[in-house]
Each structure stands twice: as structure tokens, then as C-alpha cells.
Full PDB file with SEQRES, HELIX, SHEET, SSBOND, CRYST1, ORIGX, SCALE, CONECT and MASTER records, all heavy atoms in Angstrom:
SEQRES   1 A   35  SER TYR TYR TYR GLU LYS ARG ASP ASN LEU MET LEU GLY          
SEQRES   2 A   35  THR VAL CYS ILE VAL LYS LYS LYS PHE PHE ASP ILE SER          
SEQRES   3 A   35  SER GLU LEU ASP SER ALA ILE TRP CYS                          
HELIX    1 AA1 GLU A    5  ARG A    7  5                                   3    
SHEET    1 AA1 2 TYR A   2  TYR A   4  0                                        
SHEET    2 AA1 2 ASN A   9  MET A  11 -1                                        
CRYST1    1.000    1.000    1.000  90.00  90.00  90.00 P 1           1          
ORIGX1      1.000000  0.000000  0.000000        0.00000                         
ORIGX2      0.000000  1.000000  0.000000        0.00000                         
ORIGX3      0.000000  0.000000  1.000000        0.00000                         
SCALE1      1.000000  0.000000  0.000000        0.00000                         
SCALE2      0.000000  1.000000  0.000000        0.00000                         
SCALE3      0.000000  0.000000  1.000000        0.00000                         
ATOM      1  N   SER A   1      27.787  -9.496  -1.888  1.00  0.00           N  
ATOM      2  CA  SER A   1      27.636  -8.925  -0.549  1.00  0.00           C  
ATOM      3  C   SER A   1      28.945  -8.293  -0.083  1.00  0.00           C  
ATOM      4  O   SER A   1      30.031  -8.683  -0.511  1.00  0.00           O  
ATOM      5  CB  SER A   1      27.188  -9.997   0.443  1.00  0.00           C  
ATOM      6  OG  SER A   1      28.153 -11.021   0.530  1.00  0.00           O  
ATOM      7  N   TYR A   2      28.795  -7.300   0.802  1.00  0.00           N  
ATOM      8  CA  TYR A   2      29.927  -6.578   1.383  1.00  0.00           C  
ATOM      9  C   TYR A   2      29.629  -6.407   2.870  1.00  0.00           C  
ATOM     10  O   TYR A   2      28.504  -6.088   3.241  1.00  0.00           O  
ATOM     11  CB  TYR A   2      30.066  -5.181   0.763  1.00  0.00           C  
ATOM     12  CG  TYR A   2      30.135  -5.174  -0.744  1.00  0.00           C  
ATOM     13  CD1 TYR A   2      28.965  -5.130  -1.508  1.00  0.00           C  
ATOM     14  CD2 TYR A   2      31.357  -5.207  -1.404  1.00  0.00           C  
ATOM     15  CE1 TYR A   2      29.020  -5.120  -2.888  1.00  0.00           C  
ATOM     16  CE2 TYR A   2      31.413  -5.192  -2.791  1.00  0.00           C  
ATOM     17  CZ  TYR A   2      30.247  -5.151  -3.520  1.00  0.00           C  
ATOM     18  OH  TYR A   2      30.299  -5.140  -4.891  1.00  0.00           O  
ATOM     19  N   TYR A   3      30.640  -6.601   3.701  1.00  0.00           N  
ATOM     20  CA  TYR A   3      30.437  -6.387   5.133  1.00  0.00           C  
ATOM     21  C   TYR A   3      30.935  -4.999   5.506  1.00  0.00           C  
ATOM     22  O   TYR A   3      32.075  -4.638   5.214  1.00  0.00           O  
ATOM     23  CB  TYR A   3      31.167  -7.444   5.962  1.00  0.00           C  
ATOM     24  CG  TYR A   3      30.951  -7.240   7.443  1.00  0.00           C  
ATOM     25  CD1 TYR A   3      29.687  -7.392   8.005  1.00  0.00           C  
ATOM     26  CD2 TYR A   3      31.989  -6.856   8.266  1.00  0.00           C  
ATOM     27  CE1 TYR A   3      29.468  -7.174   9.357  1.00  0.00           C  
ATOM     28  CE2 TYR A   3      31.782  -6.641   9.627  1.00  0.00           C  
ATOM     29  CZ  TYR A   3      30.523  -6.803  10.160  1.00  0.00           C  
ATOM     30  OH  TYR A   3      30.314  -6.577  11.495  1.00  0.00           O  
ATOM     31  N   TYR A   4      30.081  -4.207   6.143  1.00  0.00           N  
ATOM     32  CA  TYR A   4      30.409  -2.852   6.579  1.00  0.00           C  
ATOM     33  C   TYR A   4      30.619  -2.892   8.089  1.00  0.00           C  
ATOM     34  O   TYR A   4      29.664  -2.781   8.861  1.00  0.00           O  
ATOM     35  CB  TYR A   4      29.288  -1.901   6.183  1.00  0.00           C  
ATOM     36  CG  TYR A   4      29.548  -0.443   6.479  1.00  0.00           C  
ATOM     37  CD1 TYR A   4      30.803   0.136   6.295  1.00  0.00           C  
ATOM     38  CD2 TYR A   4      28.522   0.370   6.938  1.00  0.00           C  
ATOM     39  CE1 TYR A   4      31.018   1.477   6.559  1.00  0.00           C  
ATOM     40  CE2 TYR A   4      28.735   1.719   7.202  1.00  0.00           C  
ATOM     41  CZ  TYR A   4      29.989   2.260   7.010  1.00  0.00           C  
ATOM     42  OH  TYR A   4      30.200   3.591   7.279  1.00  0.00           O  
ATOM     43  N   GLU A   5      31.861  -3.056   8.482  1.00  0.00           N  
ATOM     44  CA  GLU A   5      32.204  -3.278   9.885  1.00  0.00           C  
ATOM     45  C   GLU A   5      31.813  -2.106  10.779  1.00  0.00           C  
ATOM     46  O   GLU A   5      31.330  -2.305  11.900  1.00  0.00           O  
ATOM     47  CB  GLU A   5      33.705  -3.555  10.019  1.00  0.00           C  
ATOM     48  CG  GLU A   5      34.122  -3.921  11.414  1.00  0.00           C  
ATOM     49  CD  GLU A   5      35.577  -4.326  11.510  1.00  0.00           C  
ATOM     50  OE1 GLU A   5      36.328  -4.206  10.525  1.00  0.00           O  
ATOM     51  OE2 GLU A   5      35.968  -4.759  12.603  1.00  0.00           O  
ATOM     52  N   LYS A   6      31.985  -0.887  10.294  1.00  0.00           N  
ATOM     53  CA  LYS A   6      31.720   0.294  11.116  1.00  0.00           C  
ATOM     54  C   LYS A   6      30.301   0.287  11.698  1.00  0.00           C  
ATOM     55  O   LYS A   6      30.085   0.695  12.830  1.00  0.00           O  
ATOM     56  CB  LYS A   6      31.943   1.556  10.274  1.00  0.00           C  
ATOM     57  CG  LYS A   6      31.733   2.848  11.017  1.00  0.00           C  
ATOM     58  CD  LYS A   6      32.030   4.048  10.112  1.00  0.00           C  
ATOM     59  CE  LYS A   6      31.747   5.354  10.801  1.00  0.00           C  
ATOM     60  NZ  LYS A   6      31.972   6.495   9.916  1.00  0.00           N  
ATOM     61  N   ARG A   7      29.327  -0.178  10.937  1.00  0.00           N  
ATOM     62  CA  ARG A   7      27.931  -0.191  11.393  1.00  0.00           C  
ATOM     63  C   ARG A   7      27.378  -1.608  11.569  1.00  0.00           C  
ATOM     64  O   ARG A   7      26.192  -1.779  11.800  1.00  0.00           O  
ATOM     65  CB  ARG A   7      27.053   0.559  10.412  1.00  0.00           C  
ATOM     66  CG  ARG A   7      27.489   1.984  10.207  1.00  0.00           C  
ATOM     67  CD  ARG A   7      26.358   2.916  10.447  1.00  0.00           C  
ATOM     68  NE  ARG A   7      26.743   4.248  10.016  1.00  0.00           N  
ATOM     69  CZ  ARG A   7      26.833   5.262  10.830  1.00  0.00           C  
ATOM     70  NH1 ARG A   7      26.583   5.114  12.098  1.00  0.00           N  
ATOM     71  NH2 ARG A   7      27.184   6.446  10.380  1.00  0.00           N  
ATOM     72  N   ASP A   8      28.250  -2.616  11.427  1.00  0.00           N  
ATOM     73  CA  ASP A   8      27.843  -4.018  11.547  1.00  0.00           C  
ATOM     74  C   ASP A   8      26.668  -4.328  10.615  1.00  0.00           C  
ATOM     75  O   ASP A   8      25.647  -4.869  11.022  1.00  0.00           O  
ATOM     76  CB  ASP A   8      27.488  -4.376  12.997  1.00  0.00           C  
ATOM     77  CG  ASP A   8      27.318  -5.895  13.185  1.00  0.00           C  
ATOM     78  OD1 ASP A   8      27.921  -6.670  12.426  1.00  0.00           O  
ATOM     79  OD2 ASP A   8      26.561  -6.295  14.097  1.00  0.00           O  
ATOM     80  N   ASN A   9      26.839  -3.956   9.334  1.00  0.00           N  
ATOM     81  CA  ASN A   9      25.808  -4.218   8.332  1.00  0.00           C  
ATOM     82  C   ASN A   9      26.324  -5.183   7.281  1.00  0.00           C  
ATOM     83  O   ASN A   9      27.474  -5.081   6.861  1.00  0.00           O  
ATOM     84  CB  ASN A   9      25.398  -2.941   7.590  1.00  0.00           C  
ATOM     85  CG  ASN A   9      24.706  -1.936   8.471  1.00  0.00           C  
ATOM     86  OD1 ASN A   9      25.100  -0.789   8.522  1.00  0.00           O  
ATOM     87  ND2 ASN A   9      23.673  -2.352   9.165  1.00  0.00           N  
ATOM     88  N   LEU A  10      25.470  -6.081   6.868  1.00  0.00           N  
ATOM     89  CA  LEU A  10      25.732  -6.898   5.698  1.00  0.00           C  
ATOM     90  C   LEU A  10      25.062  -6.164   4.544  1.00  0.00           C  
ATOM     91  O   LEU A  10      23.834  -6.073   4.481  1.00  0.00           O  
ATOM     92  CB  LEU A  10      25.153  -8.305   5.854  1.00  0.00           C  
ATOM     93  CG  LEU A  10      25.360  -9.215   4.647  1.00  0.00           C  
ATOM     94  CD1 LEU A  10      26.855  -9.405   4.367  1.00  0.00           C  
ATOM     95  CD2 LEU A  10      24.669 -10.546   4.875  1.00  0.00           C  
ATOM     96  N   MET A  11      25.874  -5.587   3.667  1.00  0.00           N  
ATOM     97  CA  MET A  11      25.355  -4.796   2.550  1.00  0.00           C  
ATOM     98  C   MET A  11      25.299  -5.674   1.313  1.00  0.00           C  
ATOM     99  O   MET A  11      26.313  -6.234   0.893  1.00  0.00           O  
ATOM    100  CB  MET A  11      26.226  -3.573   2.318  1.00  0.00           C  
ATOM    101  CG  MET A  11      26.291  -2.682   3.546  1.00  0.00           C  
ATOM    102  SD  MET A  11      26.991  -1.069   3.220  1.00  0.00           S  
ATOM    103  CE  MET A  11      25.561  -0.256   2.523  1.00  0.00           C  
ATOM    104  N   LEU A  12      24.111  -5.780   0.742  1.00  0.00           N  
ATOM    105  CA  LEU A  12      23.896  -6.611  -0.430  1.00  0.00           C  
ATOM    106  C   LEU A  12      23.897  -5.697  -1.658  1.00  0.00           C  
ATOM    107  O   LEU A  12      22.993  -4.889  -1.847  1.00  0.00           O  
ATOM    108  CB  LEU A  12      22.588  -7.382  -0.280  1.00  0.00           C  
ATOM    109  CG  LEU A  12      22.567  -8.230   1.010  1.00  0.00           C  
ATOM    110  CD1 LEU A  12      21.186  -8.795   1.267  1.00  0.00           C  
ATOM    111  CD2 LEU A  12      23.612  -9.315   0.960  1.00  0.00           C  
ATOM    112  N   GLY A  13      24.958  -5.814  -2.440  1.00  0.00           N  
ATOM    113  CA  GLY A  13      25.180  -4.909  -3.564  1.00  0.00           C  
ATOM    114  C   GLY A  13      24.313  -5.230  -4.757  1.00  0.00           C  
ATOM    115  O   GLY A  13      24.210  -6.383  -5.179  1.00  0.00           O  
ATOM    116  N   THR A  14      23.688  -4.184  -5.305  1.00  0.00           N  
ATOM    117  CA  THR A  14      22.839  -4.328  -6.484  1.00  0.00           C  
ATOM    118  C   THR A  14      23.199  -3.264  -7.502  1.00  0.00           C  
ATOM    119  O   THR A  14      23.771  -2.231  -7.168  1.00  0.00           O  
ATOM    120  CB  THR A  14      21.346  -4.174  -6.127  1.00  0.00           C  
ATOM    121  OG1 THR A  14      21.131  -2.859  -5.603  1.00  0.00           O  
ATOM    122  CG2 THR A  14      20.897  -5.211  -5.121  1.00  0.00           C  
ATOM    123  N   VAL A  15      22.838  -3.544  -8.742  1.00  0.00           N  
ATOM    124  CA  VAL A  15      22.897  -2.543  -9.808  1.00  0.00           C  
ATOM    125  C   VAL A  15      21.461  -2.317 -10.240  1.00  0.00           C  
ATOM    126  O   VAL A  15      20.743  -3.274 -10.560  1.00  0.00           O  
ATOM    127  CB  VAL A  15      23.758  -3.021 -10.996  1.00  0.00           C  
ATOM    128  CG1 VAL A  15      23.681  -2.027 -12.148  1.00  0.00           C  
ATOM    129  CG2 VAL A  15      25.194  -3.231 -10.554  1.00  0.00           C  
ATOM    130  N   CYS A  16      21.032  -1.066 -10.224  1.00  0.00           N  
ATOM    131  CA  CYS A  16      19.670  -0.701 -10.642  1.00  0.00           C  
ATOM    132  C   CYS A  16      19.756   0.117 -11.919  1.00  0.00           C  
ATOM    133  O   CYS A  16      20.373   1.182 -11.931  1.00  0.00           O  
ATOM    134  CB  CYS A  16      18.971   0.120  -9.558  1.00  0.00           C  
ATOM    135  SG  CYS A  16      18.607  -0.822  -8.070  1.00  0.00           S  
ATOM    136  N   ILE A  17      19.157  -0.399 -12.964  1.00  0.00           N  
ATOM    137  CA  ILE A  17      19.065   0.338 -14.226  1.00  0.00           C  
ATOM    138  C   ILE A  17      17.772   1.148 -14.166  1.00  0.00           C  
ATOM    139  O   ILE A  17      16.708   0.606 -13.851  1.00  0.00           O  
ATOM    140  CB  ILE A  17      19.059  -0.611 -15.440  1.00  0.00           C  
ATOM    141  CG1 ILE A  17      20.265  -1.557 -15.393  1.00  0.00           C  
ATOM    142  CG2 ILE A  17      19.014   0.190 -16.745  1.00  0.00           C  
ATOM    143  CD1 ILE A  17      21.620  -0.886 -15.325  1.00  0.00           C  
ATOM    144  N   VAL A  18      17.882   2.450 -14.438  1.00  0.00           N  
ATOM    145  CA  VAL A  18      16.738   3.353 -14.298  1.00  0.00           C  
ATOM    146  C   VAL A  18      16.515   4.155 -15.572  1.00  0.00           C  
ATOM    147  O   VAL A  18      17.429   4.345 -16.369  1.00  0.00           O  
ATOM    148  CB  VAL A  18      16.944   4.342 -13.118  1.00  0.00           C  
ATOM    149  CG1 VAL A  18      17.072   3.593 -11.793  1.00  0.00           C  
ATOM    150  CG2 VAL A  18      18.136   5.249 -13.351  1.00  0.00           C  
ATOM    151  N   LYS A  19      15.294   4.638 -15.731  1.00  0.00           N  
ATOM    152  CA  LYS A  19      14.980   5.607 -16.786  1.00  0.00           C  
ATOM    153  C   LYS A  19      15.602   6.933 -16.361  1.00  0.00           C  
ATOM    154  O   LYS A  19      15.407   7.382 -15.240  1.00  0.00           O  
ATOM    155  CB  LYS A  19      13.469   5.776 -16.922  1.00  0.00           C  
ATOM    156  CG  LYS A  19      12.775   4.568 -17.453  1.00  0.00           C  
ATOM    157  CD  LYS A  19      12.358   4.824 -18.864  1.00  0.00           C  
ATOM    158  CE  LYS A  19      11.563   3.636 -19.369  1.00  0.00           C  
ATOM    159  NZ  LYS A  19      11.601   3.567 -20.804  1.00  0.00           N  
ATOM    160  N   LYS A  20      16.359   7.547 -17.257  1.00  0.00           N  
ATOM    161  CA  LYS A  20      17.001   8.815 -16.911  1.00  0.00           C  
ATOM    162  C   LYS A  20      15.989   9.950 -16.948  1.00  0.00           C  
ATOM    163  O   LYS A  20      15.258  10.112 -17.925  1.00  0.00           O  
ATOM    164  CB  LYS A  20      18.146   9.140 -17.848  1.00  0.00           C  
ATOM    165  CG  LYS A  20      18.797  10.448 -17.414  1.00  0.00           C  
ATOM    166  CD  LYS A  20      20.074  10.750 -18.057  1.00  0.00           C  
ATOM    167  CE  LYS A  20      20.567  12.083 -17.503  1.00  0.00           C  
ATOM    168  NZ  LYS A  20      21.726  12.556 -18.148  1.00  0.00           N  
ATOM    169  N   LYS A  21      15.951  10.694 -15.873  1.00  0.00           N  
ATOM    170  CA  LYS A  21      15.132  11.903 -15.797  1.00  0.00           C  
ATOM    171  C   LYS A  21      15.677  12.753 -14.659  1.00  0.00           C  
ATOM    172  O   LYS A  21      16.636  12.369 -13.991  1.00  0.00           O  
ATOM    173  CB  LYS A  21      13.652  11.564 -15.606  1.00  0.00           C  
ATOM    174  CG  LYS A  21      13.320  10.955 -14.262  1.00  0.00           C  
ATOM    175  CD  LYS A  21      11.819  10.805 -14.092  1.00  0.00           C  
ATOM    176  CE  LYS A  21      11.487  10.618 -12.637  1.00  0.00           C  
ATOM    177  NZ  LYS A  21      10.106  10.785 -12.307  1.00  0.00           N  
ATOM    178  N   PHE A  22      15.064  13.901 -14.440  1.00  0.00           N  
ATOM    179  CA  PHE A  22      15.466  14.739 -13.318  1.00  0.00           C  
ATOM    180  C   PHE A  22      15.083  14.047 -12.022  1.00  0.00           C  
ATOM    181  O   PHE A  22      14.087  13.325 -11.951  1.00  0.00           O  
ATOM    182  CB  PHE A  22      14.794  16.115 -13.401  1.00  0.00           C  
ATOM    183  CG  PHE A  22      15.299  16.954 -14.535  1.00  0.00           C  
ATOM    184  CD1 PHE A  22      14.497  17.183 -15.639  1.00  0.00           C  
ATOM    185  CD2 PHE A  22      16.569  17.513 -14.492  1.00  0.00           C  
ATOM    186  CE1 PHE A  22      14.951  17.945 -16.696  1.00  0.00           C  
ATOM    187  CE2 PHE A  22      17.033  18.284 -15.544  1.00  0.00           C  
ATOM    188  CZ  PHE A  22      16.236  18.494 -16.654  1.00  0.00           C  
ATOM    189  N   PHE A  23      15.870  14.284 -10.998  1.00  0.00           N  
ATOM    190  CA  PHE A  23      15.617  13.674  -9.704  1.00  0.00           C  
ATOM    191  C   PHE A  23      14.452  14.351  -8.995  1.00  0.00           C  
ATOM    192  O   PHE A  23      14.237  15.548  -9.141  1.00  0.00           O  
ATOM    193  CB  PHE A  23      16.848  13.798  -8.797  1.00  0.00           C  
ATOM    194  CG  PHE A  23      18.083  13.161  -9.357  1.00  0.00           C  
ATOM    195  CD1 PHE A  23      19.179  13.935  -9.722  1.00  0.00           C  
ATOM    196  CD2 PHE A  23      18.168  11.791  -9.511  1.00  0.00           C  
ATOM    197  CE1 PHE A  23      20.327  13.365 -10.228  1.00  0.00           C  
ATOM    198  CE2 PHE A  23      19.309  11.195 -10.026  1.00  0.00           C  
ATOM    199  CZ  PHE A  23      20.388  11.985 -10.379  1.00  0.00           C  
ATOM    200  N   ASP A  24      13.761  13.571  -8.220  1.00  0.00           N  
ATOM    201  CA  ASP A  24      12.761  14.062  -7.278  1.00  0.00           C  
ATOM    202  C   ASP A  24      13.219  13.501  -5.927  1.00  0.00           C  
ATOM    203  O   ASP A  24      12.723  12.462  -5.480  1.00  0.00           O  
ATOM    204  CB  ASP A  24      11.363  13.566  -7.658  1.00  0.00           C  
ATOM    205  CG  ASP A  24      10.294  14.056  -6.696  1.00  0.00           C  
ATOM    206  OD1 ASP A  24      10.566  14.996  -5.912  1.00  0.00           O  
ATOM    207  OD2 ASP A  24       9.188  13.481  -6.714  1.00  0.00           O  
ATOM    208  N   ILE A  25      14.200  14.184  -5.307  1.00  0.00           N  
ATOM    209  CA  ILE A  25      14.865  13.596  -4.143  1.00  0.00           C  
ATOM    210  C   ILE A  25      14.014  13.696  -2.875  1.00  0.00           C  
ATOM    211  O   ILE A  25      13.242  14.623  -2.698  1.00  0.00           O  
ATOM    212  CB  ILE A  25      16.274  14.197  -3.901  1.00  0.00           C  
ATOM    213  CG1 ILE A  25      16.227  15.653  -3.514  1.00  0.00           C  
ATOM    214  CG2 ILE A  25      17.163  13.977  -5.112  1.00  0.00           C  
ATOM    215  CD1 ILE A  25      17.570  16.217  -3.064  1.00  0.00           C  
ATOM    216  N   SER A  26      14.228  12.708  -2.028  1.00  0.00           N  
ATOM    217  CA  SER A  26      13.515  12.666  -0.753  1.00  0.00           C  
ATOM    218  C   SER A  26      14.171  13.617   0.243  1.00  0.00           C  
ATOM    219  O   SER A  26      15.295  14.096   0.029  1.00  0.00           O  
ATOM    220  CB  SER A  26      13.514  11.246  -0.188  1.00  0.00           C  
ATOM    221  OG  SER A  26      14.751  10.947   0.441  1.00  0.00           O  
ATOM    222  N   SER A  27      13.493  13.827   1.342  1.00  0.00           N  
ATOM    223  CA  SER A  27      14.036  14.703   2.394  1.00  0.00           C  
ATOM    224  C   SER A  27      15.245  14.077   3.090  1.00  0.00           C  
ATOM    225  O   SER A  27      15.953  14.755   3.823  1.00  0.00           O  
ATOM    226  CB  SER A  27      12.951  15.035   3.418  1.00  0.00           C  
ATOM    227  OG  SER A  27      12.473  13.841   4.017  1.00  0.00           O  
ATOM    228  N   GLU A  28      15.501  12.790   2.855  1.00  0.00           N  
ATOM    229  CA  GLU A  28      16.678  12.124   3.427  1.00  0.00           C  
ATOM    230  C   GLU A  28      17.977  12.598   2.769  1.00  0.00           C  
ATOM    231  O   GLU A  28      19.044  12.426   3.337  1.00  0.00           O  
ATOM    232  CB  GLU A  28      16.605  10.605   3.225  1.00  0.00           C  
ATOM    233  CG  GLU A  28      15.559   9.888   4.023  1.00  0.00           C  
ATOM    234  CD  GLU A  28      15.611   8.383   3.766  1.00  0.00           C  
ATOM    235  OE1 GLU A  28      16.721   7.823   3.706  1.00  0.00           O  
ATOM    236  OE2 GLU A  28      14.545   7.782   3.619  1.00  0.00           O  
ATOM    237  N   LEU A  29      17.873  13.147   1.560  1.00  0.00           N  
ATOM    238  CA  LEU A  29      19.054  13.519   0.790  1.00  0.00           C  
ATOM    239  C   LEU A  29      19.267  15.021   0.816  1.00  0.00           C  
ATOM    240  O   LEU A  29      18.325  15.798   0.903  1.00  0.00           O  
ATOM    241  CB  LEU A  29      18.905  13.081  -0.670  1.00  0.00           C  
ATOM    242  CG  LEU A  29      18.572  11.620  -0.948  1.00  0.00           C  
ATOM    243  CD1 LEU A  29      18.591  11.377  -2.454  1.00  0.00           C  
ATOM    244  CD2 LEU A  29      19.505  10.674  -0.236  1.00  0.00           C  
ATOM    245  N   ASP A  30      20.543  15.396   0.688  1.00  0.00           N  
ATOM    246  CA  ASP A  30      20.872  16.806   0.521  1.00  0.00           C  
ATOM    247  C   ASP A  30      21.050  17.143  -0.952  1.00  0.00           C  
ATOM    248  O   ASP A  30      20.778  18.260  -1.357  1.00  0.00           O  
ATOM    249  CB  ASP A  30      22.141  17.143   1.317  1.00  0.00           C  
ATOM    250  CG  ASP A  30      21.872  17.070   2.804  1.00  0.00           C  
ATOM    251  OD1 ASP A  30      21.086  17.888   3.304  1.00  0.00           O  
ATOM    252  OD2 ASP A  30      22.416  16.164   3.468  1.00  0.00           O  
ATOM    253  N   SER A  31      21.514  16.164  -1.744  1.00  0.00           N  
ATOM    254  CA  SER A  31      21.636  16.387  -3.188  1.00  0.00           C  
ATOM    255  C   SER A  31      21.832  15.055  -3.899  1.00  0.00           C  
ATOM    256  O   SER A  31      22.131  14.039  -3.283  1.00  0.00           O  
ATOM    257  CB  SER A  31      22.804  17.334  -3.502  1.00  0.00           C  
ATOM    258  OG  SER A  31      24.032  16.750  -3.115  1.00  0.00           O  
ATOM    259  N   ALA A  32      21.677  15.110  -5.222  1.00  0.00           N  
ATOM    260  CA  ALA A  32      21.919  13.951  -6.084  1.00  0.00           C  
ATOM    261  C   ALA A  32      22.446  14.482  -7.407  1.00  0.00           C  
ATOM    262  O   ALA A  32      22.085  15.584  -7.827  1.00  0.00           O  
ATOM    263  CB  ALA A  32      20.640  13.157  -6.291  1.00  0.00           C  
ATOM    264  N   ILE A  33      23.305  13.702  -8.037  1.00  0.00           N  
ATOM    265  CA  ILE A  33      23.874  14.113  -9.327  1.00  0.00           C  
ATOM    266  C   ILE A  33      23.955  12.929 -10.275  1.00  0.00           C  
ATOM    267  O   ILE A  33      24.052  11.786  -9.850  1.00  0.00           O  
ATOM    268  CB  ILE A  33      25.290  14.719  -9.169  1.00  0.00           C  
ATOM    269  CG1 ILE A  33      26.262  13.704  -8.561  1.00  0.00           C  
ATOM    270  CG2 ILE A  33      25.267  15.994  -8.360  1.00  0.00           C  
ATOM    271  CD1 ILE A  33      27.727  14.087  -8.654  1.00  0.00           C  
ATOM    272  N   TRP A  34      23.906  13.254 -11.570  1.00  0.00           N  
ATOM    273  CA  TRP A  34      24.277  12.290 -12.611  1.00  0.00           C  
ATOM    274  C   TRP A  34      25.730  12.566 -12.947  1.00  0.00           C  
ATOM    275  O   TRP A  34      26.125  13.728 -13.085  1.00  0.00           O  
ATOM    276  CB  TRP A  34      23.429  12.490 -13.869  1.00  0.00           C  
ATOM    277  CG  TRP A  34      22.032  11.981 -13.781  1.00  0.00           C  
ATOM    278  CD1 TRP A  34      20.898  12.721 -13.733  1.00  0.00           C  
ATOM    279  CD2 TRP A  34      21.618  10.617 -13.746  1.00  0.00           C  
ATOM    280  NE1 TRP A  34      19.795  11.909 -13.669  1.00  0.00           N  
ATOM    281  CE2 TRP A  34      20.217  10.593 -13.675  1.00  0.00           C  
ATOM    282  CE3 TRP A  34      22.306   9.398 -13.751  1.00  0.00           C  
ATOM    283  CZ2 TRP A  34      19.473   9.415 -13.623  1.00  0.00           C  
ATOM    284  CZ3 TRP A  34      21.564   8.222 -13.702  1.00  0.00           C  
ATOM    285  CH2 TRP A  34      20.178   8.233 -13.640  1.00  0.00           C  
ATOM    286  N   CYS A  35      26.530  11.536 -13.089  1.00  0.00           N  
ATOM    287  CA  CYS A  35      27.933  11.730 -13.477  1.00  0.00           C  
ATOM    288  C   CYS A  35      28.393  10.547 -14.315  1.00  0.00           C  
ATOM    289  O   CYS A  35      27.822   9.460 -14.236  1.00  0.00           O  
ATOM    290  CB  CYS A  35      28.822  11.904 -12.250  1.00  0.00           C  
ATOM    291  SG  CYS A  35      28.777  10.543 -11.090  1.00  0.00           S  
TER     292      CYS A  35                                                      
MASTER        0    0    0    1    2    0    0    6  291    1    0    3          
END                                                                             
């Protein structure tokens, strides 16, 4: 866990392993990249 003071959030850190493919991004995002 990480505390994000600016927004008073308790952020619970995870690692997500995914199948690699092209993104199908939501309208919430402006862009996404693989790096």
C-alpha cells in the first residue's frame, strides 16, 4: 500500500500480468504506450 496525501487516497499497489496486444483504450485516457 501507498498513501497519496494530495488526494487522501490509500493506494493499493498491484502488478497485473496481461496478454500483449494493441490497446483498446477507454474514453478516460488520452493515450497508452508499451515501453
